C-alpha atoms as a PDB file:
ATOM      1  CA  MET A   1     -65.351-115.686-150.114  1.00  0.00           C
ATOM      2  CA  LEU A   2     -64.219-119.136-149.096  1.00  0.00           C
ATOM      3  CA  HIS A   3     -61.376-119.050-151.618  1.00  0.00           C
ATOM      4  CA  ALA A   4     -60.065-115.674-150.426  1.00  0.00           C
ATOM      5  CA  ARG A   5     -59.098-116.890-146.969  1.00  0.00           C
ATOM      6  CA  PRO A   6     -56.887-119.809-148.038  1.00  0.00           C
ATOM      7  CA  ALA A   7     -55.115-117.553-150.533  1.00  0.00           C
ATOM      8  CA  ALA A   8     -54.503-114.936-147.853  1.00  0.00           C
ATOM      9  CA  ALA A   9     -53.297-117.592-145.430  1.00  0.00           C
ATOM     10  CA  SER A  10     -50.957-119.089-148.023  1.00  0.00           C
ATOM     11  CA  ARG A  11     -49.618-115.598-148.789  1.00  0.00           C
ATOM     12  CA  LYS A  12     -48.834-115.116-145.103  1.00  0.00           C
ATOM     13  CA  VAL A  13     -47.023-118.440-144.988  1.00  0.00           C
ATOM     14  CA  ILE A  14     -45.000-117.586-148.092  1.00  0.00           C
ATOM     15  CA  LEU A  15     -44.115-114.151-146.714  1.00  0.00           C
ATOM     16  CA  SER A  16     -43.020-115.612-143.390  1.00  0.00           C
ATOM     17  CA  ILE A  17     -40.809-118.137-145.223  1.00  0.00           C
ATOM     18  CA  LEU A  18     -39.261-115.360-147.332  1.00  0.00           C
ATOM     19  CA  LYS A  19     -38.606-113.252-144.229  1.00  0.00           C
ATOM     20  CA  PHE A  20     -36.872-116.203-142.582  1.00  0.00           C
ATOM     21  CA  GLU A  21     -34.694-116.742-145.671  1.00  0.00           C
ATOM     22  CA  VAL A  22     -33.685-113.075-145.719  1.00  0.00           C
ATOM     23  CA  LYS A  23     -32.796-113.181-142.020  1.00  0.00           C
ATOM     24  CA  PHE A  24     -30.839-116.410-142.495  1.00  0.00           C
ATOM     25  CA  THR A  25     -28.912-114.947-145.453  1.00  0.00           C
ATOM     26  CA  ALA A  26     -28.079-111.802-143.496  1.00  0.00           C
ATOM     27  CA  MET A  27     -26.876-113.864-140.526  1.00  0.00           C
ATOM     28  CA  HIS A  28     -24.757-116.027-142.834  1.00  0.00           C
ATOM     29  CA  ARG A  29     -23.170-112.877-144.254  1.00  0.00           C
ATOM     30  CA  ILE A  30     -22.385-111.568-140.763  1.00  0.00           C
ATOM     31  CA  THR A  31     -20.890-114.922-139.771  1.00  0.00           C
ATOM     32  CA  SER A  32     -18.692-115.157-142.854  1.00  0.00           C
ATOM     33  CA  ILE A  33     -17.458-111.581-142.471  1.00  0.00           C
ATOM     34  CA  GLY A  34     -16.720-112.318-138.802  1.00  0.00           C
ATOM     35  CA  CYS A  35     -14.591-115.285-139.840  1.00  0.00           C
ATOM     36  CA  VAL A  36     -12.623-113.135-142.272  1.00  0.00           C
ATOM     37  CA  ASN A  37     -12.103-110.437-139.654  1.00  0.00           C
ATOM     38  CA  LEU A  38     -10.931-113.050-137.154  1.00  0.00           C
ATOM     39  CA  GLY A  39      -8.263-114.180-139.612  1.00  0.00           C
ATOM     40  CA  HIS A  40      -7.105-110.607-140.146  1.00  0.00           C
ATOM     41  CA  LEU A  41      -6.983-110.054-136.394  1.00  0.00           C
ATOM     42  CA  PHE A  42      -4.794-113.157-135.998  1.00  0.00           C
ATOM     43  CA  TRP A  43      -2.190-111.802-138.447  1.00  0.00           C
ATOM     44  CA  LEU A  44      -2.348-108.299-136.994  1.00  0.00           C
ATOM     45  CA  ARG A  45      -1.670-109.643-133.498  1.00  0.00           C
ATOM     46  CA  SER A  46       1.135-111.852-134.825  1.00  0.00           C
ATOM     47  CA  LEU A  47       2.864-108.814-136.315  1.00  0.00           C
ATOM     48  CA  ALA A  48       2.391-106.921-133.043  1.00  0.00           C
ATOM     49  CA  ILE A  49       4.010-109.765-131.082  1.00  0.00           C
ATOM     50  CA  ILE A  50       6.969-109.854-133.472  1.00  0.00           C
ATOM     51  CA  GLY A  51       7.309-106.081-133.115  1.00  0.00           C
ATOM     52  CA  GLN A  52       7.317-106.346-129.331  1.00  0.00           C
ATOM     53  CA  LEU A  53      10.018-109.030-129.365  1.00  0.00           C
ATOM     54  CA  VAL A  54      12.189-107.019-131.787  1.00  0.00           C
ATOM     55  CA  THR A  55      11.760-103.879-129.687  1.00  0.00           C
ATOM     56  CA  ILE A  56      12.772-105.684-126.490  1.00  0.00           C
ATOM     57  CA  ALA A  57      15.803-107.215-128.214  1.00  0.00           C
ATOM     58  CA  VAL A  58      16.957-103.891-129.704  1.00  0.00           C
ATOM     59  CA  VAL A  59      16.540-101.971-126.444  1.00  0.00           C
ATOM     60  CA  GLN A  60      18.299-104.691-124.469  1.00  0.00           C
ATOM     61  CA  ALA A  61      21.203-105.081-126.928  1.00  0.00           C
ATOM     62  CA  PHE A  62      21.882-101.576-128.234  1.00  0.00           C
ATOM     63  CA  TYR A  63      20.740 -99.269-125.455  1.00  0.00           C
ATOM     64  CA  GLY A  64      21.960-101.339-122.552  1.00  0.00           C
ATOM     65  CA  ALA A  65      18.759-100.791-120.616  1.00  0.00           C
ATOM     66  CA  HIS A  66      17.879-103.326-117.967  1.00  0.00           C
ATOM     67  CA  LEU A  67      14.321-104.346-118.667  1.00  0.00           C
ATOM     68  CA  PRO A  68      12.142-106.622-116.523  1.00  0.00           C
ATOM     69  CA  LEU A  69      12.458-109.448-119.049  1.00  0.00           C
ATOM     70  CA  ALA A  70      10.615-112.064-116.995  1.00  0.00           C
ATOM     71  CA  ALA A  71       7.494-109.923-116.677  1.00  0.00           C
ATOM     72  CA  MET A  72       7.628-108.723-120.282  1.00  0.00           C
ATOM     73  CA  LEU A  73       8.125-112.200-121.724  1.00  0.00           C
ATOM     74  CA  THR A  74       5.332-113.577-119.520  1.00  0.00           C
ATOM     75  CA  ILE A  75       2.922-111.067-121.037  1.00  0.00           C
ATOM     76  CA  ILE A  76       4.137-111.908-124.546  1.00  0.00           C
ATOM     77  CA  VAL A  77       3.686-115.647-123.894  1.00  0.00           C
ATOM     78  CA  LEU A  78       0.109-114.945-122.793  1.00  0.00           C
ATOM     79  CA  GLU A  79      -0.417-112.933-125.991  1.00  0.00           C
ATOM     80  CA  VAL A  80       0.957-115.831-128.064  1.00  0.00           C
ATOM     81  CA  LEU A  81      -1.391-118.302-126.344  1.00  0.00           C
ATOM     82  CA  PHE A  82      -4.391-116.038-126.862  1.00  0.00           C
ATOM     83  CA  ASN A  83      -3.407-115.490-130.479  1.00  0.00           C
ATOM     84  CA  ALA A  84      -3.029-119.242-131.014  1.00  0.00           C
ATOM     85  CA  LEU A  85      -6.594-119.744-129.784  1.00  0.00           C
ATOM     86  CA  ASN A  86      -7.700-116.946-132.084  1.00  0.00           C
ATOM     87  CA  GLY A  87      -5.907-118.603-135.002  1.00  0.00           C
ATOM     88  CA  TYR A  88      -7.584-121.918-134.233  1.00  0.00           C
ATOM     89  CA  ALA A  89     -10.986-120.213-134.208  1.00  0.00           C
ATOM     90  CA  SER A  90     -10.298-118.443-137.499  1.00  0.00           C
ATOM     91  CA  HIS A  91      -9.296-121.724-139.157  1.00  0.00           C
ATOM     92  CA  ALA A  92     -12.425-123.411-137.778  1.00  0.00           C
ATOM     93  CA  CYS A  93     -14.480-121.292-140.182  1.00  0.00           C
ATOM     94  CA  SER A  94     -15.026-123.260-143.334  1.00  0.00           C
ATOM     95  CA  PRO A  95     -13.475-121.945-146.570  1.00  0.00           C
ATOM     96  CA  LYS A  96     -16.917-121.851-148.188  1.00  0.00           C
ATOM     97  CA  ARG A  97     -18.118-119.244-145.707  1.00  0.00           C
ATOM     98  CA  THR A  98     -15.121-116.967-146.113  1.00  0.00           C
ATOM     99  CA  LEU A  99     -15.317-117.010-149.927  1.00  0.00           C
ATOM    100  CA  ASN A 100     -18.993-116.018-150.000  1.00  0.00           C
ATOM    101  CA  CYS A 101     -18.500-112.539-148.573  1.00  0.00           C
END
């Protein structure tokens, strides 16, 4: 009977270590996928900003509409700043994490 308790206690320790490793691996997977998604979001926003600038230029040049350029360009500058921060955060993820998805 004395030998049964240490074996049971060691089994509990081993199981708790394995559970921690599984949780850590799952969290690592979530983090690496988040880094990849952040990179995709950066490029998606960049294309949206380019589309907005092209649309403003086409409407201004070919349709002769008088748009509130100061307000529109202020919003686009804010989008560019936010996207630059997003790009910095996506590059802060190490390449090892993004390749392990």
